[in-house]
Amino acid sequence: MDIPYTVEARPDTGLYNAKVGIWLFLASEVMLFGALFSTYILLRVGTPEGYWPHGWLNIPVGTANTLVLITSSITTVMAWASCKMNQFDRFKRYHACTILLAFCFVGIKSYEYHDKFTHYSITLKNGKIADGHLISKSPGFNVNEKAGPVKGEIKIHGHEVNFSNKQGDELQKELKKIYDLRSPEGREAAKEHKELEYSASDIVSLETYGPWHNTYTAIYFTLTGLHALHVIGGAIVIGFLWGPLSNLWRRDPERFTNRIEISGLFWHFVDLVWIFLFPVLYLL
């Protein structure tokens, strides 16, 4: 049995079935990411002054990932245009580029995640907070008495901040050393980074800059993690069209071209979401 309107347009919408479906799906995606962006705005507006991070993300790396996705949008369009012009070999080349660029994006994002999961905030018994990237930990390192004897040492590359007995302007200056890395105080603290070593017995608590660290990292990992899943999902679909499903080109090239268009519409949406994520998380 032939399914109607897989190639020709429906009389009521002027679109074939798959195109109607993808637009409805993208509408739901807009609501999903719209809710998350709205949550981000409300959380940021409700944060006390001085406690919202600035400069925690690597802008050059984020810019590189933006260029990667924009380029992948171009190759996706060129792949679809190649099908329309009956140039299947060119389609294969352009779609292969799209897949490689998708993996490149995920690789760069993985590098950024690794950077956060090796960045430690350490609360010390002397009232100071040490902040920096992990260099090494001794075997069996433990600061939790419930998990066994407290033992070992940890070494980081970073700086110390003293919040104890600080009020007013002095407290704001200390906060900026961690939270506002674009401020004069934050830039000065970055220049003072050095190798620091602490015994487990001197540490009250420590945690990495994962989603559990604070509100900013929670929303950062939620937004970028969900977006990365969309990138991976889109790459899988594009890879399936490039590989096993490419045989459809020989049987029904018009229907195959329509499927390329549908996957391209989803990919453009994924790129558009990142165009919003980049300035919101990296620049503002």
Foldseek 3Di string as FASTA:
>chain_A
DDDPQLFAADPVPRHGDLVVVLVVVVVVVCVVVVVLVVVVVVVVVPDPPLAAAAPPADLVLLVVLLVLLVLLLVLLVQLLVCLVVVNNVSNLVSLVSNLVSLVVSVVSVVVRVVQQQQWKWFQFPVQKIWTFGWDDWDPPADLDVVVDDHWTKTKGWFAIAHCPPDDDPRNSLSSCCPRPCPDPSVVVRRVVTDIDMDISVGTPDMGTNDLPPDVLNVSVCVLVVVLSVLSVVLSVLSVCLSPVVVVVCVVPSSSSSVSSVSSSVSSVSSSVSSVVVSCVNHPD
